[in-house]
Structure formats: structure tokens, C-alpha cells
Full PDB file with SEQRES, HELIX, SHEET, SSBOND, CRYST1, ORIGX, SCALE, CONECT and MASTER records, all heavy atoms in Angstrom:
SEQRES   1 A   39  VAL LEU SER LEU GLY PRO GLU ILE SER PRO GLN ASP PHE          
SEQRES   2 A   39  LYS ARG LEU MET CYS GLU HIS ILE ASN ALA PRO SER GLU          
SEQRES   3 A   39  PHE GLU TYR PRO PRO HIS GLY LEU LEU HIS MET THR GLY          
HELIX    1 AA1 PRO A   10  MET A   17  1                                   8    
HELIX    2 AA2 PRO A   31  GLY A   33  5                                   3    
SHEET    1 AA1 2 LEU A   2  SER A   3  0                                        
SHEET    2 AA1 2 LEU A  34  LEU A  35 -1                                        
CRYST1    1.000    1.000    1.000  90.00  90.00  90.00 P 1           1          
ORIGX1      1.000000  0.000000  0.000000        0.00000                         
ORIGX2      0.000000  1.000000  0.000000        0.00000                         
ORIGX3      0.000000  0.000000  1.000000        0.00000                         
SCALE1      1.000000  0.000000  0.000000        0.00000                         
SCALE2      0.000000  1.000000  0.000000        0.00000                         
SCALE3      0.000000  0.000000  1.000000        0.00000                         
ATOM      1  N   VAL A   1     110.964  67.468  18.670  1.00  0.00           N  
ATOM      2  CA  VAL A   1     110.314  66.191  18.397  1.00  0.00           C  
ATOM      3  C   VAL A   1     111.022  65.115  19.195  1.00  0.00           C  
ATOM      4  O   VAL A   1     112.255  65.050  19.206  1.00  0.00           O  
ATOM      5  CB  VAL A   1     110.370  65.846  16.887  1.00  0.00           C  
ATOM      6  CG1 VAL A   1     109.792  64.471  16.624  1.00  0.00           C  
ATOM      7  CG2 VAL A   1     109.621  66.900  16.080  1.00  0.00           C  
ATOM      8  N   LEU A   2     110.258  64.286  19.869  1.00  0.00           N  
ATOM      9  CA  LEU A   2     110.812  63.169  20.633  1.00  0.00           C  
ATOM     10  C   LEU A   2     110.537  61.871  19.891  1.00  0.00           C  
ATOM     11  O   LEU A   2     109.386  61.528  19.622  1.00  0.00           O  
ATOM     12  CB  LEU A   2     110.176  63.105  22.022  1.00  0.00           C  
ATOM     13  CG  LEU A   2     110.690  61.983  22.937  1.00  0.00           C  
ATOM     14  CD1 LEU A   2     112.119  62.264  23.366  1.00  0.00           C  
ATOM     15  CD2 LEU A   2     109.786  61.838  24.163  1.00  0.00           C  
ATOM     16  N   SER A   3     111.596  61.160  19.532  1.00  0.00           N  
ATOM     17  CA  SER A   3     111.424  59.841  18.923  1.00  0.00           C  
ATOM     18  C   SER A   3     111.108  58.834  20.017  1.00  0.00           C  
ATOM     19  O   SER A   3     111.837  58.732  21.008  1.00  0.00           O  
ATOM     20  CB  SER A   3     112.696  59.424  18.185  1.00  0.00           C  
ATOM     21  OG  SER A   3     112.616  58.066  17.793  1.00  0.00           O  
ATOM     22  N   LEU A   4     110.027  58.089  19.849  1.00  0.00           N  
ATOM     23  CA  LEU A   4     109.672  57.069  20.828  1.00  0.00           C  
ATOM     24  C   LEU A   4     110.508  55.808  20.656  1.00  0.00           C  
ATOM     25  O   LEU A   4     110.463  54.917  21.503  1.00  0.00           O  
ATOM     26  CB  LEU A   4     108.183  56.734  20.732  1.00  0.00           C  
ATOM     27  CG  LEU A   4     107.235  57.914  20.986  1.00  0.00           C  
ATOM     28  CD1 LEU A   4     105.788  57.435  21.006  1.00  0.00           C  
ATOM     29  CD2 LEU A   4     107.567  58.632  22.277  1.00  0.00           C  
ATOM     30  N   GLY A   5     111.260  55.734  19.550  1.00  0.00           N  
ATOM     31  CA  GLY A   5     112.196  54.638  19.372  1.00  0.00           C  
ATOM     32  C   GLY A   5     111.524  53.313  19.065  1.00  0.00           C  
ATOM     33  O   GLY A   5     110.296  53.174  19.110  1.00  0.00           O  
ATOM     34  N   PRO A   6     112.331  52.304  18.778  1.00  0.00           N  
ATOM     35  CA  PRO A   6     111.794  50.994  18.402  1.00  0.00           C  
ATOM     36  C   PRO A   6     111.648  50.033  19.572  1.00  0.00           C  
ATOM     37  O   PRO A   6     111.164  48.918  19.395  1.00  0.00           O  
ATOM     38  CB  PRO A   6     112.857  50.478  17.426  1.00  0.00           C  
ATOM     39  CG  PRO A   6     114.131  51.041  17.970  1.00  0.00           C  
ATOM     40  CD  PRO A   6     113.787  52.391  18.562  1.00  0.00           C  
ATOM     41  N   GLU A   7     112.087  50.432  20.775  1.00  0.00           N  
ATOM     42  CA  GLU A   7     112.134  49.470  21.878  1.00  0.00           C  
ATOM     43  C   GLU A   7     110.749  49.033  22.348  1.00  0.00           C  
ATOM     44  O   GLU A   7     110.570  47.904  22.821  1.00  0.00           O  
ATOM     45  CB  GLU A   7     112.895  50.069  23.078  1.00  0.00           C  
ATOM     46  CG  GLU A   7     114.339  50.422  22.795  1.00  0.00           C  
ATOM     47  CD  GLU A   7     114.494  51.792  22.152  1.00  0.00           C  
ATOM     48  OE1 GLU A   7     113.526  52.579  22.183  1.00  0.00           O  
ATOM     49  OE2 GLU A   7     115.573  52.072  21.624  1.00  0.00           O  
ATOM     50  N   ILE A   8     109.757  49.923  22.250  1.00  0.00           N  
ATOM     51  CA  ILE A   8     108.408  49.623  22.732  1.00  0.00           C  
ATOM     52  C   ILE A   8     107.455  49.704  21.545  1.00  0.00           C  
ATOM     53  O   ILE A   8     107.401  50.724  20.853  1.00  0.00           O  
ATOM     54  CB  ILE A   8     107.970  50.612  23.832  1.00  0.00           C  
ATOM     55  CG1 ILE A   8     109.019  50.690  24.943  1.00  0.00           C  
ATOM     56  CG2 ILE A   8     106.616  50.210  24.408  1.00  0.00           C  
ATOM     57  CD1 ILE A   8     108.717  51.742  25.993  1.00  0.00           C  
ATOM     58  N   SER A   9     106.706  48.650  21.325  1.00  0.00           N  
ATOM     59  CA  SER A   9     105.760  48.643  20.205  1.00  0.00           C  
ATOM     60  C   SER A   9     104.606  49.605  20.486  1.00  0.00           C  
ATOM     61  O   SER A   9     104.335  49.942  21.643  1.00  0.00           O  
ATOM     62  CB  SER A   9     105.199  47.233  20.004  1.00  0.00           C  
ATOM     63  OG  SER A   9     104.341  46.881  21.073  1.00  0.00           O  
ATOM     64  N   PRO A  10     103.913  50.072  19.436  1.00  0.00           N  
ATOM     65  CA  PRO A  10     102.755  50.945  19.663  1.00  0.00           C  
ATOM     66  C   PRO A  10     101.719  50.320  20.594  1.00  0.00           C  
ATOM     67  O   PRO A  10     101.129  51.020  21.421  1.00  0.00           O  
ATOM     68  CB  PRO A  10     102.195  51.155  18.249  1.00  0.00           C  
ATOM     69  CG  PRO A  10     103.386  50.999  17.358  1.00  0.00           C  
ATOM     70  CD  PRO A  10     104.226  49.931  17.996  1.00  0.00           C  
ATOM     71  N   GLN A  11     101.497  49.008  20.472  1.00  0.00           N  
ATOM     72  CA  GLN A  11     100.513  48.345  21.333  1.00  0.00           C  
ATOM     73  C   GLN A  11     100.969  48.360  22.789  1.00  0.00           C  
ATOM     74  O   GLN A  11     100.182  48.661  23.701  1.00  0.00           O  
ATOM     75  CB  GLN A  11     100.295  46.912  20.867  1.00  0.00           C  
ATOM     76  CG  GLN A  11      99.666  46.772  19.486  1.00  0.00           C  
ATOM     77  CD  GLN A  11     100.658  47.028  18.358  1.00  0.00           C  
ATOM     78  OE1 GLN A  11     101.880  47.021  18.548  1.00  0.00           O  
ATOM     79  NE2 GLN A  11     100.120  47.269  17.154  1.00  0.00           N  
ATOM     80  N   ASP A  12     102.250  48.060  23.020  1.00  0.00           N  
ATOM     81  CA  ASP A  12     102.766  48.076  24.387  1.00  0.00           C  
ATOM     82  C   ASP A  12     102.814  49.496  24.937  1.00  0.00           C  
ATOM     83  O   ASP A  12     102.623  49.711  26.137  1.00  0.00           O  
ATOM     84  CB  ASP A  12     104.158  47.448  24.435  1.00  0.00           C  
ATOM     85  CG  ASP A  12     104.114  45.938  24.295  1.00  0.00           C  
ATOM     86  OD1 ASP A  12     103.033  45.358  24.515  1.00  0.00           O  
ATOM     87  OD2 ASP A  12     105.156  45.332  23.968  1.00  0.00           O  
ATOM     88  N   PHE A  13     103.065  50.466  24.077  1.00  0.00           N  
ATOM     89  CA  PHE A  13     103.072  51.858  24.523  1.00  0.00           C  
ATOM     90  C   PHE A  13     101.695  52.252  25.051  1.00  0.00           C  
ATOM     91  O   PHE A  13     101.567  52.893  26.097  1.00  0.00           O  
ATOM     92  CB  PHE A  13     103.484  52.789  23.383  1.00  0.00           C  
ATOM     93  CG  PHE A  13     104.580  53.743  23.763  1.00  0.00           C  
ATOM     94  CD1 PHE A  13     105.830  53.636  23.190  1.00  0.00           C  
ATOM     95  CD2 PHE A  13     104.371  54.726  24.701  1.00  0.00           C  
ATOM     96  CE1 PHE A  13     106.855  54.496  23.535  1.00  0.00           C  
ATOM     97  CE2 PHE A  13     105.385  55.602  25.058  1.00  0.00           C  
ATOM     98  CZ  PHE A  13     106.632  55.488  24.473  1.00  0.00           C  
ATOM     99  N   LYS A  14     100.668  51.866  24.322  1.00  0.00           N  
ATOM    100  CA  LYS A  14      99.304  52.159  24.751  1.00  0.00           C  
ATOM    101  C   LYS A  14      99.019  51.506  26.101  1.00  0.00           C  
ATOM    102  O   LYS A  14      98.427  52.118  27.003  1.00  0.00           O  
ATOM    103  CB  LYS A  14      98.318  51.644  23.702  1.00  0.00           C  
ATOM    104  CG  LYS A  14      96.845  51.874  24.033  1.00  0.00           C  
ATOM    105  CD  LYS A  14      96.442  53.307  23.823  1.00  0.00           C  
ATOM    106  CE  LYS A  14      94.929  53.477  23.959  1.00  0.00           C  
ATOM    107  NZ  LYS A  14      94.508  54.860  23.745  1.00  0.00           N  
ATOM    108  N   ARG A  15      99.475  50.269  26.258  1.00  0.00           N  
ATOM    109  CA  ARG A  15      99.251  49.559  27.518  1.00  0.00           C  
ATOM    110  C   ARG A  15      99.993  50.229  28.671  1.00  0.00           C  
ATOM    111  O   ARG A  15      99.453  50.346  29.780  1.00  0.00           O  
ATOM    112  CB  ARG A  15      99.717  48.111  27.366  1.00  0.00           C  
ATOM    113  CG  ARG A  15      99.626  47.276  28.643  1.00  0.00           C  
ATOM    114  CD  ARG A  15     100.132  45.866  28.415  1.00  0.00           C  
ATOM    115  NE  ARG A  15     101.510  45.850  27.939  1.00  0.00           N  
ATOM    116  CZ  ARG A  15     102.564  45.952  28.747  1.00  0.00           C  
ATOM    117  NH1 ARG A  15     102.401  46.101  30.046  1.00  0.00           N  
ATOM    118  NH2 ARG A  15     103.789  45.916  28.246  1.00  0.00           N  
ATOM    119  N   LEU A  16     101.211  50.691  28.430  1.00  0.00           N  
ATOM    120  CA  LEU A  16     101.986  51.321  29.484  1.00  0.00           C  
ATOM    121  C   LEU A  16     101.455  52.708  29.842  1.00  0.00           C  
ATOM    122  O   LEU A  16     101.520  53.123  30.997  1.00  0.00           O  
ATOM    123  CB  LEU A  16     103.454  51.436  29.055  1.00  0.00           C  
ATOM    124  CG  LEU A  16     104.237  50.125  28.953  1.00  0.00           C  
ATOM    125  CD1 LEU A  16     105.607  50.379  28.336  1.00  0.00           C  
ATOM    126  CD2 LEU A  16     104.375  49.457  30.307  1.00  0.00           C  
ATOM    127  N   MET A  17     100.957  53.415  28.854  1.00  0.00           N  
ATOM    128  CA  MET A  17     100.481  54.769  29.108  1.00  0.00           C  
ATOM    129  C   MET A  17      99.136  54.789  29.811  1.00  0.00           C  
ATOM    130  O   MET A  17      98.826  55.733  30.542  1.00  0.00           O  
ATOM    131  CB  MET A  17     100.379  55.554  27.795  1.00  0.00           C  
ATOM    132  CG  MET A  17     101.711  55.861  27.151  1.00  0.00           C  
ATOM    133  SD  MET A  17     102.775  56.891  28.185  1.00  0.00           S  
ATOM    134  CE  MET A  17     101.861  58.434  28.190  1.00  0.00           C  
ATOM    135  N   CYS A  18      98.322  53.777  29.586  1.00  0.00           N  
ATOM    136  CA  CYS A  18      96.966  53.772  30.125  1.00  0.00           C  
ATOM    137  C   CYS A  18      96.705  52.467  30.854  1.00  0.00           C  
ATOM    138  O   CYS A  18      96.862  51.386  30.288  1.00  0.00           O  
ATOM    139  CB  CYS A  18      95.936  53.956  29.017  1.00  0.00           C  
ATOM    140  SG  CYS A  18      96.238  55.443  28.038  1.00  0.00           S  
ATOM    141  N   GLU A  19      96.288  52.574  32.083  1.00  0.00           N  
ATOM    142  CA  GLU A  19      96.040  51.382  32.890  1.00  0.00           C  
ATOM    143  C   GLU A  19      94.929  50.545  32.289  1.00  0.00           C  
ATOM    144  O   GLU A  19      94.964  49.321  32.332  1.00  0.00           O  
ATOM    145  CB  GLU A  19      95.694  51.793  34.313  1.00  0.00           C  
ATOM    146  CG  GLU A  19      95.500  50.624  35.264  1.00  0.00           C  
ATOM    147  CD  GLU A  19      95.274  51.086  36.684  1.00  0.00           C  
ATOM    148  OE1 GLU A  19      95.626  52.224  37.005  1.00  0.00           O  
ATOM    149  OE2 GLU A  19      94.723  50.305  37.469  1.00  0.00           O  
ATOM    150  N   HIS A  20      93.930  51.195  31.737  1.00  0.00           N  
ATOM    151  CA  HIS A  20      92.808  50.493  31.123  1.00  0.00           C  
ATOM    152  C   HIS A  20      92.864  50.738  29.617  1.00  0.00           C  
ATOM    153  O   HIS A  20      92.583  51.834  29.147  1.00  0.00           O  
ATOM    154  CB  HIS A  20      91.474  50.979  31.710  1.00  0.00           C  
ATOM    155  CG  HIS A  20      91.437  50.903  33.207  1.00  0.00           C  
ATOM    156  ND1 HIS A  20      91.444  49.706  33.877  1.00  0.00           N  
ATOM    157  CD2 HIS A  20      91.421  51.874  34.142  1.00  0.00           C  
ATOM    158  CE1 HIS A  20      91.408  49.935  35.181  1.00  0.00           C  
ATOM    159  NE2 HIS A  20      91.410  51.244  35.367  1.00  0.00           N  
ATOM    160  N   ILE A  21      93.252  49.724  28.889  1.00  0.00           N  
ATOM    161  CA  ILE A  21      93.591  49.878  27.485  1.00  0.00           C  
ATOM    162  C   ILE A  21      92.420  50.397  26.659  1.00  0.00           C  
ATOM    163  O   ILE A  21      92.600  51.092  25.668  1.00  0.00           O  
ATOM    164  CB  ILE A  21      94.090  48.525  26.912  1.00  0.00           C  
ATOM    165  CG1 ILE A  21      94.754  48.726  25.545  1.00  0.00           C  
ATOM    166  CG2 ILE A  21      92.975  47.520  26.814  1.00  0.00           C  
ATOM    167  CD1 ILE A  21      96.113  49.339  25.615  1.00  0.00           C  
ATOM    168  N   ASN A  22      91.189  50.112  27.073  1.00  0.00           N  
ATOM    169  CA  ASN A  22      90.024  50.520  26.288  1.00  0.00           C  
ATOM    170  C   ASN A  22      89.409  51.837  26.760  1.00  0.00           C  
ATOM    171  O   ASN A  22      88.404  52.285  26.226  1.00  0.00           O  
ATOM    172  CB  ASN A  22      88.956  49.417  26.327  1.00  0.00           C  
ATOM    173  CG  ASN A  22      89.435  48.148  25.644  1.00  0.00           C  
ATOM    174  OD1 ASN A  22      90.096  48.207  24.616  1.00  0.00           O  
ATOM    175  ND2 ASN A  22      89.114  47.004  26.228  1.00  0.00           N  
ATOM    176  N   ALA A  23      89.992  52.428  27.801  1.00  0.00           N  
ATOM    177  CA  ALA A  23      89.427  53.672  28.327  1.00  0.00           C  
ATOM    178  C   ALA A  23      89.794  54.848  27.425  1.00  0.00           C  
ATOM    179  O   ALA A  23      90.821  54.831  26.756  1.00  0.00           O  
ATOM    180  CB  ALA A  23      89.946  53.927  29.737  1.00  0.00           C  
ATOM    181  N   PRO A  24      88.966  55.894  27.420  1.00  0.00           N  
ATOM    182  CA  PRO A  24      89.346  57.106  26.687  1.00  0.00           C  
ATOM    183  C   PRO A  24      90.685  57.612  27.207  1.00  0.00           C  
ATOM    184  O   PRO A  24      90.972  57.537  28.392  1.00  0.00           O  
ATOM    185  CB  PRO A  24      88.207  58.080  27.012  1.00  0.00           C  
ATOM    186  CG  PRO A  24      87.058  57.205  27.392  1.00  0.00           C  
ATOM    187  CD  PRO A  24      87.649  56.005  28.062  1.00  0.00           C  
ATOM    188  N   SER A  25      91.508  58.127  26.321  1.00  0.00           N  
ATOM    189  CA  SER A  25      92.874  58.449  26.727  1.00  0.00           C  
ATOM    190  C   SER A  25      93.374  59.690  26.016  1.00  0.00           C  
ATOM    191  O   SER A  25      92.984  59.984  24.897  1.00  0.00           O  
ATOM    192  CB  SER A  25      93.798  57.271  26.416  1.00  0.00           C  
ATOM    193  OG  SER A  25      95.145  57.640  26.524  1.00  0.00           O  
ATOM    194  N   GLU A  26      94.275  60.419  26.685  1.00  0.00           N  
ATOM    195  CA  GLU A  26      94.946  61.541  26.056  1.00  0.00           C  
ATOM    196  C   GLU A  26      96.062  61.081  25.128  1.00  0.00           C  
ATOM    197  O   GLU A  26      96.532  61.836  24.291  1.00  0.00           O  
ATOM    198  CB  GLU A  26      95.533  62.468  27.120  1.00  0.00           C  
ATOM    199  CG  GLU A  26      94.500  63.209  27.953  1.00  0.00           C  
ATOM    200  CD  GLU A  26      95.157  64.266  28.821  1.00  0.00           C  
ATOM    201  OE1 GLU A  26      96.347  64.105  29.147  1.00  0.00           O  
ATOM    202  OE2 GLU A  26      94.487  65.245  29.166  1.00  0.00           O  
ATOM    203  N   PHE A  27      96.511  59.851  25.284  1.00  0.00           N  
ATOM    204  CA  PHE A  27      97.666  59.392  24.524  1.00  0.00           C  
ATOM    205  C   PHE A  27      97.250  58.702  23.232  1.00  0.00           C  
ATOM    206  O   PHE A  27      96.428  57.795  23.234  1.00  0.00           O  
ATOM    207  CB  PHE A  27      98.508  58.427  25.351  1.00  0.00           C  
ATOM    208  CG  PHE A  27      99.681  57.874  24.587  1.00  0.00           C  
ATOM    209  CD1 PHE A  27     100.799  58.664  24.357  1.00  0.00           C  
ATOM    210  CD2 PHE A  27      99.664  56.581  24.081  1.00  0.00           C  
ATOM    211  CE1 PHE A  27     101.888  58.171  23.642  1.00  0.00           C  
ATOM    212  CE2 PHE A  27     100.742  56.080  23.366  1.00  0.00           C  
ATOM    213  CZ  PHE A  27     101.854  56.874  23.147  1.00  0.00           C  
ATOM    214  N   GLU A  28      97.830  59.126  22.151  1.00  0.00           N  
ATOM    215  CA  GLU A  28      97.693  58.461  20.869  1.00  0.00           C  
ATOM    216  C   GLU A  28      99.097  58.273  20.315  1.00  0.00           C  
ATOM    217  O   GLU A  28      99.882  59.219  20.266  1.00  0.00           O  
ATOM    218  CB  GLU A  28      96.852  59.292  19.893  1.00  0.00           C  
ATOM    219  CG  GLU A  28      95.397  59.462  20.301  1.00  0.00           C  
ATOM    220  CD  GLU A  28      94.612  58.154  20.234  1.00  0.00           C  
ATOM    221  OE1 GLU A  28      95.068  57.233  19.512  1.00  0.00           O  
ATOM    222  OE2 GLU A  28      93.560  58.068  20.890  1.00  0.00           O  
ATOM    223  N   TYR A  29      99.409  57.046  19.910  1.00  0.00           N  
ATOM    224  CA  TYR A  29     100.745  56.801  19.368  1.00  0.00           C  
ATOM    225  C   TYR A  29     100.919  57.643  18.105  1.00  0.00           C  
ATOM    226  O   TYR A  29     100.118  57.557  17.177  1.00  0.00           O  
ATOM    227  CB  TYR A  29     100.943  55.321  19.050  1.00  0.00           C  
ATOM    228  CG  TYR A  29     102.396  54.957  18.848  1.00  0.00           C  
ATOM    229  CD1 TYR A  29     103.192  54.613  19.927  1.00  0.00           C  
ATOM    230  CD2 TYR A  29     102.964  54.983  17.575  1.00  0.00           C  
ATOM    231  CE1 TYR A  29     104.536  54.288  19.753  1.00  0.00           C  
ATOM    232  CE2 TYR A  29     104.302  54.664  17.395  1.00  0.00           C  
ATOM    233  CZ  TYR A  29     105.084  54.325  18.485  1.00  0.00           C  
ATOM    234  OH  TYR A  29     106.410  54.014  18.313  1.00  0.00           O  
ATOM    235  N   PRO A  30     101.956  58.489  18.058  1.00  0.00           N  
ATOM    236  CA  PRO A  30     102.073  59.446  16.950  1.00  0.00           C  
ATOM    237  C   PRO A  30     102.540  58.789  15.660  1.00  0.00           C  
ATOM    238  O   PRO A  30     103.189  57.738  15.679  1.00  0.00           O  
ATOM    239  CB  PRO A  30     103.130  60.432  17.472  1.00  0.00           C  
ATOM    240  CG  PRO A  30     103.982  59.608  18.387  1.00  0.00           C  
ATOM    241  CD  PRO A  30     103.036  58.625  19.038  1.00  0.00           C  
ATOM    242  N   PRO A  31     102.225  59.398  14.526  1.00  0.00           N  
ATOM    243  CA  PRO A  31     102.699  58.870  13.237  1.00  0.00           C  
ATOM    244  C   PRO A  31     104.224  58.790  13.220  1.00  0.00           C  
ATOM    245  O   PRO A  31     104.916  59.699  13.687  1.00  0.00           O  
ATOM    246  CB  PRO A  31     102.186  59.905  12.224  1.00  0.00           C  
ATOM    247  CG  PRO A  31     101.031  60.567  12.910  1.00  0.00           C  
ATOM    248  CD  PRO A  31     101.376  60.576  14.363  1.00  0.00           C  
ATOM    249  N   HIS A  32     104.728  57.677  12.718  1.00  0.00           N  
ATOM    250  CA  HIS A  32     106.169  57.451  12.593  1.00  0.00           C  
ATOM    251  C   HIS A  32     106.881  57.426  13.944  1.00  0.00           C  
ATOM    252  O   HIS A  32     108.115  57.487  13.991  1.00  0.00           O  
ATOM    253  CB  HIS A  32     106.823  58.506  11.689  1.00  0.00           C  
ATOM    254  CG  HIS A  32     106.138  58.682  10.376  1.00  0.00           C  
ATOM    255  ND1 HIS A  32     106.035  57.655   9.450  1.00  0.00           N  
ATOM    256  CD2 HIS A  32     105.490  59.748   9.826  1.00  0.00           C  
ATOM    257  CE1 HIS A  32     105.375  58.094   8.380  1.00  0.00           C  
ATOM    258  NE2 HIS A  32     105.030  59.347   8.590  1.00  0.00           N  
ATOM    259  N   GLY A  33     106.134  57.353  15.036  1.00  0.00           N  
ATOM    260  CA  GLY A  33     106.752  57.296  16.356  1.00  0.00           C  
ATOM    261  C   GLY A  33     107.412  58.581  16.788  1.00  0.00           C  
ATOM    262  O   GLY A  33     108.284  58.576  17.667  1.00  0.00           O  
ATOM    263  N   LEU A  34     107.008  59.721  16.202  1.00  0.00           N  
ATOM    264  CA  LEU A  34     107.607  61.012  16.520  1.00  0.00           C  
ATOM    265  C   LEU A  34     106.586  61.881  17.250  1.00  0.00           C  
ATOM    266  O   LEU A  34     105.579  62.302  16.667  1.00  0.00           O  
ATOM    267  CB  LEU A  34     108.080  61.711  15.244  1.00  0.00           C  
ATOM    268  CG  LEU A  34     109.122  60.955  14.411  1.00  0.00           C  
ATOM    269  CD1 LEU A  34     109.415  61.696  13.118  1.00  0.00           C  
ATOM    270  CD2 LEU A  34     110.399  60.742  15.217  1.00  0.00           C  
ATOM    271  N   LEU A  35     106.851  62.144  18.519  1.00  0.00           N  
ATOM    272  CA  LEU A  35     105.931  62.911  19.356  1.00  0.00           C  
ATOM    273  C   LEU A  35     106.351  64.377  19.356  1.00  0.00           C  
ATOM    274  O   LEU A  35     107.432  64.736  19.834  1.00  0.00           O  
ATOM    275  CB  LEU A  35     105.948  62.360  20.783  1.00  0.00           C  
ATOM    276  CG  LEU A  35     104.969  62.987  21.790  1.00  0.00           C  
ATOM    277  CD1 LEU A  35     103.529  62.751  21.353  1.00  0.00           C  
ATOM    278  CD2 LEU A  35     105.211  62.406  23.181  1.00  0.00           C  
ATOM    279  N   HIS A  36     105.516  65.232  18.804  1.00  0.00           N  
ATOM    280  CA  HIS A  36     105.814  66.667  18.754  1.00  0.00           C  
ATOM    281  C   HIS A  36     105.510  67.301  20.109  1.00  0.00           C  
ATOM    282  O   HIS A  36     104.466  67.066  20.708  1.00  0.00           O  
ATOM    283  CB  HIS A  36     105.003  67.347  17.650  1.00  0.00           C  
ATOM    284  CG  HIS A  36     105.504  67.030  16.274  1.00  0.00           C  
ATOM    285  ND1 HIS A  36     106.365  67.855  15.581  1.00  0.00           N  
ATOM    286  CD2 HIS A  36     105.291  65.954  15.476  1.00  0.00           C  
ATOM    287  CE1 HIS A  36     106.648  67.312  14.409  1.00  0.00           C  
ATOM    288  NE2 HIS A  36     106.001  66.161  14.314  1.00  0.00           N  
ATOM    289  N   MET A  37     106.443  68.119  20.592  1.00  0.00           N  
ATOM    290  CA  MET A  37     106.312  68.736  21.905  1.00  0.00           C  
ATOM    291  C   MET A  37     105.475  70.008  21.800  1.00  0.00           C  
ATOM    292  O   MET A  37     105.690  70.832  20.909  1.00  0.00           O  
ATOM    293  CB  MET A  37     107.689  69.094  22.451  1.00  0.00           C  
ATOM    294  CG  MET A  37     108.738  68.031  22.201  1.00  0.00           C  
ATOM    295  SD  MET A  37     108.581  66.669  23.313  1.00  0.00           S  
ATOM    296  CE  MET A  37     109.521  67.290  24.655  1.00  0.00           C  
ATOM    297  N   THR A  38     104.579  70.142  22.750  1.00  0.00           N  
ATOM    298  CA  THR A  38     103.767  71.349  22.790  1.00  0.00           C  
ATOM    299  C   THR A  38     103.214  71.542  24.185  1.00  0.00           C  
ATOM    300  O   THR A  38     102.762  70.583  24.829  1.00  0.00           O  
ATOM    301  CB  THR A  38     102.611  71.280  21.776  1.00  0.00           C  
ATOM    302  OG1 THR A  38     101.819  72.464  21.862  1.00  0.00           O  
ATOM    303  CG2 THR A  38     101.722  70.071  22.008  1.00  0.00           C  
ATOM    304  N   GLY A  39     103.285  72.766  24.674  1.00  0.00           N  
ATOM    305  CA  GLY A  39     102.741  73.068  25.989  1.00  0.00           C  
ATOM    306  C   GLY A  39     103.698  72.702  27.113  1.00  0.00           C  
ATOM    307  O   GLY A  39     104.706  72.029  26.922  1.00  0.00           O  
TER     308      GLY A  39                                                      
MASTER        0    0    0    2    2    0    0    6  307    1    0    3          
END                                                                             
């Protein structure tokens, strides 16, 4: 599990991960900021 930490807010994370904030995206901010590794 990777902790995304408190440095970047969920809203800013979405903006950084996707150039177009409203576009369909593979990224969803995980519950509690914990990203489970898979694949």
C-alpha cells in the first residue's frame, strides 16, 4: 500500500494526474489516501 500523504490534496492530486480535470480518467483518489498496488 502506498500512502499518498498529506502534502497534496485530493483535488490537487486529480489536477496533477489528469491534464483535463473533467476528462474520463484511470485515476481515482483512493479511500483514506492509501493506494493499493496491483499489476
